Protein backbone atom coordinates (compact mmCIF):
# COMPACT_ATOMS: atom_id res chain seq x y z
CA MET A 1 82.07 23.32 28.82
CA THR A 2 80.45 24.55 25.56
CA LEU A 3 76.55 24.81 24.81
CA THR A 4 75.03 25.61 21.39
CA GLY A 5 71.43 25.79 21.16
CA ARG A 6 69.93 29.69 21.72
CA ASN A 7 72.06 32.16 22.29
CA ALA A 8 74.77 30.16 21.82
CA PRO A 9 77.08 29.40 18.66
CA ALA A 10 76.61 26.20 17.08
CA HIS A 11 80.34 26.04 15.37
CA ALA A 12 81.88 25.43 18.65
CA ALA A 13 79.55 21.83 19.16
CA HIS A 14 80.24 21.19 15.77
CA ALA A 15 83.93 21.19 15.85
CA SER A 16 83.97 19.30 18.78
CA ALA A 17 81.48 16.65 17.72
CA THR A 18 83.69 16.56 14.49
CA ALA A 19 86.89 15.76 17.13
CA GLY A 20 85.13 12.84 18.69
CA ALA A 21 84.36 11.37 15.57
CA ALA A 22 87.25 10.72 14.30
CA SER A 23 88.20 7.92 16.49
CA ASN A 24 84.55 6.20 16.26
CA ALA A 25 82.35 5.54 13.26
CA PRO A 26 79.48 7.94 14.48
CA VAL A 27 76.53 6.35 14.38
CA LEU A 28 74.09 9.78 14.95
CA GLU A 29 75.46 13.61 14.01
CA LEU A 30 73.50 16.46 14.31
CA GLU A 31 74.69 19.37 12.82
CA GLN A 32 73.34 23.05 13.24
CA VAL A 33 69.84 21.27 14.15
CA THR A 34 66.45 23.11 14.42
CA LEU A 35 63.31 21.35 15.44
CA GLU A 36 59.90 23.20 16.07
CA LEU A 37 56.55 21.74 16.67
CA GLY A 38 53.97 24.49 15.21
CA ASP A 39 55.08 28.07 16.95
CA ARG A 40 57.44 26.70 19.56
CA THR A 41 61.14 26.21 18.70
CA ILE A 42 62.24 22.78 20.49
CA LEU A 43 66.17 22.49 19.85
CA ARG A 44 67.70 25.50 18.30
CA ASP A 45 71.23 25.38 15.96
CA THR A 46 71.66 21.86 18.09
CA GLY A 47 74.54 20.00 16.56
CA PHE A 48 76.44 16.35 18.28
CA VAL A 49 77.89 12.54 17.92
CA VAL A 50 76.76 9.46 18.99
CA ASN A 51 79.21 7.13 18.29
CA GLN A 52 79.08 3.51 17.66
CA GLY A 53 78.68 1.38 21.38
CA GLU A 54 77.46 4.79 23.55
CA PHE A 55 75.38 4.18 26.07
CA ILE A 56 73.25 8.00 26.26
CA GLY A 57 71.00 8.82 28.99
CA VAL A 58 68.68 11.92 27.44
CA LEU A 59 66.94 14.15 30.58
CA GLY A 60 65.24 17.70 30.76
CA PRO A 61 62.01 18.87 31.50
CA ASN A 62 58.78 18.14 30.14
CA GLY A 63 58.20 19.34 27.04
CA ALA A 64 62.28 19.70 26.81
CA GLY A 65 62.15 17.92 23.14
CA LYS A 66 63.10 14.31 24.05
CA THR A 67 60.69 13.06 22.30
CA THR A 68 60.56 15.09 19.13
CA LEU A 69 64.43 14.51 19.09
CA MET A 70 63.60 10.97 18.68
CA ARG A 71 61.25 11.34 16.44
CA ALA A 72 63.31 13.28 13.91
CA VAL A 73 66.15 10.79 14.01
CA LEU A 74 63.45 8.89 13.08
CA GLY A 75 62.63 10.79 10.05
CA LEU A 76 58.54 11.65 11.64
CA VAL A 77 59.53 15.06 12.35
CA PRO A 78 61.44 17.20 10.20
CA ALA A 79 64.35 19.56 10.84
CA ALA A 80 63.36 23.20 10.68
CA SER A 81 66.97 23.20 9.18
CA GLY A 82 70.11 21.57 9.67
CA THR A 83 71.12 18.11 9.29
CA ILE A 84 70.93 15.04 10.73
CA ARG A 85 72.32 12.10 9.90
CA VAL A 86 72.39 8.04 11.06
CA LEU A 87 75.20 6.22 9.80
CA GLY A 88 76.74 9.12 7.67
CA GLN A 89 73.20 9.05 5.98
CA PRO A 90 70.61 11.18 5.69
CA VAL A 91 67.23 10.21 8.33
CA GLU A 92 64.36 8.64 6.34
CA ARG A 93 61.31 6.72 7.35
CA GLY A 94 61.81 3.26 8.16
CA ASN A 95 65.42 2.94 8.46
CA ALA A 96 66.57 -0.85 8.69
CA SER A 97 69.11 0.66 11.35
CA ILE A 98 67.45 2.07 13.88
CA GLY A 99 65.55 0.13 16.52
CA TYR A 100 62.41 2.49 18.46
CA MET A 101 60.44 2.36 21.80
CA PRO A 102 58.02 4.55 21.90
CA GLN A 103 56.28 5.66 25.00
CA THR A 104 54.08 3.14 26.05
CA ARG A 105 51.03 2.86 28.86
CA SER A 106 48.49 0.44 29.92
CA ALA A 107 47.32 -0.63 26.82
CA LEU A 108 49.55 -3.94 26.71
CA ALA A 109 47.92 -5.14 29.93
CA GLY A 110 45.06 -6.30 29.07
CA ARG A 111 46.23 -7.93 26.03
CA ARG A 112 45.76 -12.21 25.67
CA VAL A 113 48.22 -12.56 22.68
CA ARG A 114 51.43 -14.61 23.83
CA GLY A 115 55.01 -13.43 24.62
CA ARG A 116 56.43 -15.02 21.48
CA ASP A 117 53.84 -13.79 19.23
CA PHE A 118 53.52 -10.11 20.16
CA VAL A 119 57.67 -10.10 19.49
CA ALA A 120 57.21 -11.19 16.13
CA MET A 121 54.40 -8.85 15.46
CA ALA A 122 57.07 -5.98 14.71
CA ALA A 123 58.65 -8.28 12.30
CA ASP A 124 55.55 -7.47 9.77
CA GLY A 125 53.56 -4.47 10.87
CA HIS A 126 50.89 -4.71 7.52
CA ARG A 127 48.90 -7.23 9.39
CA TRP A 128 47.39 -7.15 13.29
CA GLY A 129 46.51 -10.13 14.74
CA LEU A 130 48.51 -13.62 15.48
CA PRO A 131 51.69 -13.59 12.85
CA HIS A 132 52.47 -16.14 10.26
CA ALA A 133 55.95 -15.44 10.30
CA ASP A 134 58.29 -16.94 7.67
CA ALA A 135 61.19 -19.81 9.27
CA ARG A 136 64.10 -16.50 8.96
CA THR A 137 61.63 -14.64 11.35
CA ARG A 138 60.81 -17.13 13.47
CA ALA A 139 64.58 -17.60 14.11
CA ASP A 140 65.14 -13.30 14.53
CA VAL A 141 62.31 -14.11 16.94
CA GLU A 142 64.41 -16.80 18.66
CA ARG A 143 67.25 -14.93 18.44
CA VAL A 144 65.80 -11.33 20.41
CA LEU A 145 63.83 -13.57 23.11
CA ASP A 146 67.32 -14.64 23.64
CA LEU A 147 68.99 -12.04 24.43
CA VAL A 148 66.84 -10.46 26.65
CA GLY A 149 66.58 -13.48 28.61
CA GLY A 150 62.55 -13.74 27.41
CA ARG A 151 62.08 -17.60 26.64
CA LYS A 152 59.57 -18.15 29.58
CA LEU A 153 57.86 -14.88 28.90
CA ALA A 154 57.16 -15.94 25.62
CA GLU A 155 55.08 -18.48 26.45
CA ARG A 156 52.77 -16.41 28.38
CA PRO A 157 49.85 -13.42 27.69
CA LEU A 158 51.10 -10.41 28.03
CA SER A 159 48.07 -9.60 30.66
CA GLU A 160 50.00 -11.94 32.92
CA LEU A 161 53.17 -10.20 32.53
CA SER A 162 54.73 -7.34 35.24
CA GLY A 163 55.59 -4.45 33.46
CA GLY A 164 59.15 -4.51 33.67
CA GLU A 165 58.41 -8.04 31.69
CA ARG A 166 56.84 -6.24 28.96
CA GLN A 167 59.26 -4.14 28.92
CA ARG A 168 61.64 -6.75 28.42
CA LEU A 169 59.86 -8.03 25.22
CA LEU A 170 59.13 -4.59 24.12
CA LEU A 171 62.75 -4.65 23.74
CA ALA A 172 62.94 -7.58 22.34
CA GLN A 173 60.75 -6.07 19.51
CA CYS A 174 63.84 -3.26 18.80
CA LEU A 175 66.04 -5.67 18.41
CA LEU A 176 64.42 -7.69 15.22
CA GLY A 177 67.22 -7.22 12.21
CA ASN A 178 70.02 -6.22 14.05
CA PRO A 179 69.61 -2.53 14.18
CA LYS A 180 72.95 -0.17 15.17
CA LEU A 181 70.99 3.11 17.10
CA LEU A 182 68.08 2.20 19.69
CA LEU A 183 66.05 4.88 20.61
CA LEU A 184 64.12 4.27 24.04
CA ASP A 185 61.53 6.48 24.73
CA GLU A 186 60.63 6.72 28.50
CA PRO A 187 60.71 3.04 29.10
CA LEU A 188 60.89 3.49 32.87
CA ILE A 189 57.57 5.11 32.87
CA SER A 190 55.25 3.65 35.44
CA LEU A 191 58.02 1.27 36.80
CA ASP A 192 58.85 1.04 40.37
CA PRO A 193 62.46 1.37 41.39
CA HIS A 194 63.42 -2.57 41.09
CA HIS A 195 61.89 -2.95 38.19
CA GLN A 196 63.67 0.57 36.69
CA LYS A 197 66.70 -1.19 37.97
CA SER A 198 66.36 -4.00 36.00
CA VAL A 199 65.29 -2.57 32.42
CA VAL A 200 68.37 -0.31 32.88
CA GLU A 201 70.99 -2.92 33.45
CA LEU A 202 69.43 -5.07 30.35
CA VAL A 203 69.23 -2.43 28.45
CA ARG A 204 72.87 -1.91 29.32
CA ARG A 205 73.92 -5.67 28.83
CA VAL A 206 72.44 -6.43 25.30
CA GLN A 207 73.90 -2.50 24.37
CA GLN A 208 77.54 -3.84 25.04
CA GLU A 209 76.85 -7.19 24.06
CA LEU A 210 76.15 -6.25 20.98
CA GLY A 211 78.69 -2.99 20.60
CA ILE A 212 75.29 -0.46 19.58
CA ALA A 213 74.13 2.56 20.45
CA VAL A 214 71.48 3.91 22.59
CA LEU A 215 69.35 7.21 23.41
CA PHE A 216 67.43 6.35 26.95
CA SER A 217 65.46 9.02 27.99
CA ALA A 218 64.12 9.45 31.60
CA HIS A 219 62.95 11.88 33.56
CA GLU A 220 64.90 10.80 36.51
CA LEU A 221 68.71 10.90 36.06
CA ASN A 222 69.94 8.25 39.03
CA PRO A 223 68.53 5.00 37.66
CA LEU A 224 70.85 5.53 34.78
CA LEU A 225 73.30 6.80 37.04
CA ASN A 226 75.82 3.29 36.95
CA SER A 227 74.89 2.69 33.80
CA ILE A 228 75.20 5.47 31.35
CA ASP A 229 78.53 6.54 29.20
CA ARG A 230 77.24 9.90 28.97
CA VAL A 231 74.25 12.16 29.78
CA LEU A 232 72.09 14.35 26.63
CA TYR A 233 70.30 17.10 28.86
CA LEU A 234 67.78 19.07 27.09
CA GLY A 235 65.76 22.18 28.24
CA SER A 236 64.79 25.77 26.72
CA GLY A 237 66.15 25.47 23.59
CA VAL A 238 69.32 24.18 23.91
CA ALA A 239 71.36 21.06 25.40
CA ALA A 240 74.28 19.80 26.34
CA LEU A 241 76.34 16.41 25.97
CA GLY A 242 79.21 14.97 27.97
CA THR A 243 79.71 13.42 31.21
CA VAL A 244 77.41 13.16 34.43
CA ASP A 245 79.82 15.28 36.29
CA GLU A 246 80.15 17.65 33.43
CA VAL A 247 76.71 18.28 32.51
CA ILE A 248 74.74 17.74 35.74
CA THR A 249 76.14 20.96 37.32
CA ARG A 250 74.23 24.19 38.56
CA PRO A 251 75.58 26.41 35.69
CA VAL A 252 74.90 24.33 33.12
CA LEU A 253 71.39 22.86 34.79
CA SER A 254 70.31 26.84 34.96
CA ARG A 255 70.73 27.55 31.64
CA LEU A 256 68.49 24.20 30.46
CA TYR A 257 66.02 25.44 32.65
CA GLY A 258 65.74 29.28 32.63
CA SER A 259 65.95 29.46 36.41
CA PRO A 260 68.70 28.64 39.07
CA ILE A 261 68.84 25.52 39.80
CA ASP A 262 70.57 23.00 42.44
CA VAL A 263 72.27 20.02 42.20
CA MET A 264 72.64 18.08 45.08
CA ARG A 265 74.62 14.53 45.87
CA VAL A 266 73.84 12.44 49.00
CA ASN A 267 74.94 8.83 48.94
CA GLY A 268 75.84 8.14 45.28
CA ARG A 269 72.24 10.01 44.25
CA ILE A 270 72.14 13.08 42.49
CA PHE A 271 69.22 15.84 43.08
CA VAL A 272 68.06 18.45 40.97
CA MET A 273 66.57 20.63 43.19
CA SER A 274 64.55 24.23 42.47
CA GLY A 275 64.40 25.79 45.71
CA ASP A 276 62.87 22.74 47.48
CA VAL A 277 61.20 21.05 44.72
CA GLU A 278 62.76 18.13 42.89
CA VAL A 279 62.89 18.63 39.59
CA GLU A 280 62.85 16.06 37.82
CA LYS A 281 60.14 14.10 40.62
CA HIS A 282 57.48 17.07 40.12
CA ASP A 283 57.82 16.70 35.96
CA HIS A 284 57.37 13.02 36.37
CA GLU A 285 54.31 13.59 38.00
CA HIS A 286 52.85 15.69 34.98
CA GLU A 287 53.88 13.10 32.20
CA HIS A 288 52.84 14.27 28.64
CA ASP A 289 54.46 14.44 25.51
CA GLU A 290 55.78 17.22 24.38
CA ASP A 291 53.23 17.82 21.42
CA GLY A 292 50.28 17.48 24.31
CA GLY A 293 49.67 14.05 24.14
CA HIS A 294 50.50 10.40 24.87
CA GLY A 295 51.93 8.01 23.11
CA HIS A 296 50.86 4.29 22.69
CA GLY A 297 51.46 1.30 20.63
CA HIS A 298 55.27 -0.02 19.14
CA SER A 299 56.94 0.96 16.78
CA HIS A 300 59.93 -1.17 15.22
CA GLY A 301 62.21 1.37 13.14
CA ALA A 302 64.34 -1.73 11.26
CA HIS A 303 61.64 -2.77 9.96
CA GLY A 304 59.78 0.66 8.98
CA HIS A 305 56.48 -0.59 10.75
CA SER A 306 54.38 1.22 13.33
CA HIS A 307 51.96 -0.74 15.36
CA GLY A 308 49.46 0.63 17.76
CA HIS A 309 49.14 4.64 17.23
CA SER A 310 49.78 8.05 18.73
CA HIS A 311 48.09 11.12 19.40
CA SER A 312 49.37 14.61 19.10
CA HIS A 313 49.79 14.94 22.43
CA GLN A 314 80.78 9.79 36.09
CA HIS A 315 81.55 8.06 33.01
CA ASP A 316 83.89 9.25 30.75
CA SER A 317 82.97 9.45 26.83
CA ARG A 318 84.30 6.44 24.75
CA ASP A 319 86.28 8.76 22.81
CA GLY A 320 87.44 10.77 25.79
CA HIS A 321 85.44 13.65 24.37
CA THR A 322 83.06 15.84 25.37
CA HIS A 323 80.45 17.25 23.14
CA ASP A 324 78.22 20.01 23.99
CA VAL A 325 75.04 21.51 22.32
């Protein structure tokens, strides 16, 4: 398997990505992209393609660049070099073809706004408070509530919902406007295993029903294991995109972590170990964005608006190819 990024040739990954895209319209393309934050290089000379209808799990150690990559696709973080395209067009802020769920914490838990009104807020980010939606927006809100099975939740205030139920409504927000690409940044944080499973299954069902592409970032592979088509693993300025069996290996992950890594498979689960420490669990306990803070609130790329604020802070691929960065 070929890697691109630091100390590896970018042209190999671009050639592989181009070949893989031939049979499927690409939704997202990176070509020799370098991303930087301050004096840190997050990704270097990275290239890959995500095709229509793919569910990609995005993983990697804390600070590897998962959030930065998504923000770059949204046009919020400019690439230091290279090209990022969404549906064949250069990235831009407010791209109507992208739905985005940023990292969220407990800020929503105390809100008394009804679920339906909360979803509708994403249709008009110029106004906080209860929305006064037109008939077209109201119809779209009902459509996305049906997609996520959120009709009953829509009548209850957010403060009475569980974390998993609130994530269901956040997903509904992302689906407003019929996006072709969903960027879901750590939607499993703070959820127990039961709710993690239900959120992943919901995203997979909606993704397949709509035939859209999803980038779903997480700190741990196992909740995604039975749903993703491919995994994009980031680390040390390098990334690898391929099937679980191709990417989750000792040589590849040792390269991405920059230290010896062992991969153990036990009872259908995969454990990524550094010595006797499970590195994914260790990273999760020290969660923070790679720019040094936490994301809050919700943004919806389909309408180009943001709500809240952010602080600095064994599946075969659809086209039968492995694209590695």
